[in-house]
Amino acid sequence: MSEQKQVQSKTTMIIVAWLLGYLGIHRLMMGYSNWWVQLITFGGCGIWSLIDLIQIFTGKMKMADGRDLI
C-alpha cells in the first residue's frame, strides 16, 4: 500500500523548483518516483527543470496522484 503525500503549496514548489530543480527535489516532494532521473542528469542539463518550473507556475504539473497544488 503506497502512502499518500501531503499536497504541497504551489508557491513552495515554485521556489524549490527554481533553487533545487536540477536535483529533482520538487518531484520528490510531489510524490513522483522518477525524481532520481533529474538528480543524475542535473535536471536534463537544466531543460527538464525549466519545463517543470513553467508547468508548476501555470498549474499544469500536479501531485503524482493527480491532485492540484494548493
C-alpha atoms as a PDB file:
ATOM      1  CA  MET A   1       0.000   0.000   0.000  1.00  0.00           C
ATOM      2  CA  SER A   2       1.509   3.367  -1.011  1.00  0.00           C
ATOM      3  CA  GLU A   3       1.467   6.284   1.350  1.00  0.00           C
ATOM      4  CA  GLN A   4      -0.257   9.391   0.032  1.00  0.00           C
ATOM      5  CA  LYS A   5       1.916  12.527   0.039  1.00  0.00           C
ATOM      6  CA  GLN A   6       0.695  15.759   1.570  1.00  0.00           C
ATOM      7  CA  VAL A   7      -0.498  18.281  -1.028  1.00  0.00           C
ATOM      8  CA  GLN A   8       2.226  20.868  -1.488  1.00  0.00           C
ATOM      9  CA  SER A   9       1.884  24.630  -1.832  1.00  0.00           C
ATOM     10  CA  LYS A  10       2.271  25.947  -5.368  1.00  0.00           C
ATOM     11  CA  THR A  11       4.463  28.793  -4.105  1.00  0.00           C
ATOM     12  CA  THR A  12       6.727  26.402  -2.210  1.00  0.00           C
ATOM     13  CA  MET A  13       7.092  24.167  -5.257  1.00  0.00           C
ATOM     14  CA  ILE A  14       7.978  27.144  -7.476  1.00  0.00           C
ATOM     15  CA  ILE A  15      10.719  28.181  -5.037  1.00  0.00           C
ATOM     16  CA  VAL A  16      12.066  24.630  -4.648  1.00  0.00           C
ATOM     17  CA  ALA A  17      11.982  24.039  -8.427  1.00  0.00           C
ATOM     18  CA  TRP A  18      13.813  27.350  -9.011  1.00  0.00           C
ATOM     19  CA  LEU A  19      16.540  26.680  -6.437  1.00  0.00           C
ATOM     20  CA  LEU A  20      16.878  22.873  -6.482  1.00  0.00           C
ATOM     21  CA  GLY A  21      15.152  21.870  -9.721  1.00  0.00           C
ATOM     22  CA  TYR A  22      18.315  20.411 -11.188  1.00  0.00           C
ATOM     23  CA  LEU A  23      18.324  17.868  -8.317  1.00  0.00           C
ATOM     24  CA  GLY A  24      14.678  16.852  -8.803  1.00  0.00           C
ATOM     25  CA  ILE A  25      13.765  17.694  -5.187  1.00  0.00           C
ATOM     26  CA  HIS A  26      10.457  19.257  -6.267  1.00  0.00           C
ATOM     27  CA  ARG A  27       9.452  15.960  -7.923  1.00  0.00           C
ATOM     28  CA  LEU A  28      10.395  14.024  -4.781  1.00  0.00           C
ATOM     29  CA  MET A  29       8.262  16.361  -2.651  1.00  0.00           C
ATOM     30  CA  MET A  30       5.341  15.968  -5.066  1.00  0.00           C
ATOM     31  CA  GLY A  31       5.445  12.162  -4.846  1.00  0.00           C
ATOM     32  CA  TYR A  32       6.942  11.288  -8.223  1.00  0.00           C
ATOM     33  CA  SER A  33       9.021   8.114  -8.278  1.00  0.00           C
ATOM     34  CA  ASN A  34      11.229   9.239 -11.179  1.00  0.00           C
ATOM     35  CA  TRP A  35      12.810  12.190  -9.358  1.00  0.00           C
ATOM     36  CA  TRP A  36      16.199  10.467  -9.340  1.00  0.00           C
ATOM     37  CA  VAL A  37      16.461  10.800 -13.139  1.00  0.00           C
ATOM     38  CA  GLN A  38      16.751  14.558 -12.720  1.00  0.00           C
ATOM     39  CA  LEU A  39      19.250  14.032  -9.929  1.00  0.00           C
ATOM     40  CA  ILE A  40      21.681  12.020 -12.054  1.00  0.00           C
ATOM     41  CA  THR A  41      21.264  14.212 -15.189  1.00  0.00           C
ATOM     42  CA  PHE A  42      21.226  17.552 -13.331  1.00  0.00           C
ATOM     43  CA  GLY A  43      17.685  18.250 -14.460  1.00  0.00           C
ATOM     44  CA  GLY A  44      18.358  17.167 -18.019  1.00  0.00           C
ATOM     45  CA  CYS A  45      21.088  19.832 -18.157  1.00  0.00           C
ATOM     46  CA  GLY A  46      18.521  22.328 -16.856  1.00  0.00           C
ATOM     47  CA  ILE A  47      15.958  21.791 -19.603  1.00  0.00           C
ATOM     48  CA  TRP A  48      13.617  19.460 -17.663  1.00  0.00           C
ATOM     49  CA  SER A  49      13.939  21.691 -14.628  1.00  0.00           C
ATOM     50  CA  LEU A  50      12.866  24.734 -16.629  1.00  0.00           C
ATOM     51  CA  ILE A  51       9.938  22.835 -18.154  1.00  0.00           C
ATOM     52  CA  ASP A  52       8.831  21.640 -14.696  1.00  0.00           C
ATOM     53  CA  LEU A  53       9.107  25.184 -13.312  1.00  0.00           C
ATOM     54  CA  ILE A  54       6.916  26.552 -16.103  1.00  0.00           C
ATOM     55  CA  GLN A  55       4.383  23.731 -15.653  1.00  0.00           C
ATOM     56  CA  ILE A  56       4.175  24.315 -11.892  1.00  0.00           C
ATOM     57  CA  PHE A  57       3.785  28.065 -12.442  1.00  0.00           C
ATOM     58  CA  THR A  58       0.983  27.583 -14.985  1.00  0.00           C
ATOM     59  CA  GLY A  59      -0.750  24.869 -12.921  1.00  0.00           C
ATOM     60  CA  LYS A  60      -0.223  22.052 -15.429  1.00  0.00           C
ATOM     61  CA  MET A  61       2.025  19.969 -13.143  1.00  0.00           C
ATOM     62  CA  LYS A  62       0.076  18.268 -10.388  1.00  0.00           C
ATOM     63  CA  MET A  63       0.943  15.993  -7.485  1.00  0.00           C
ATOM     64  CA  ALA A  64       1.907  12.476  -8.603  1.00  0.00           C
ATOM     65  CA  ASP A  65      -1.553  11.182  -7.662  1.00  0.00           C
ATOM     66  CA  GLY A  66      -3.302  13.858  -9.749  1.00  0.00           C
ATOM     67  CA  ARG A  67      -4.255  16.304  -7.016  1.00  0.00           C
ATOM     68  CA  ASP A  68      -3.784  20.018  -7.714  1.00  0.00           C
ATOM     69  CA  LEU A  69      -1.189  22.013  -5.792  1.00  0.00           C
ATOM     70  CA  ILE A  70      -2.740  24.345  -3.244  1.00  0.00           C
END
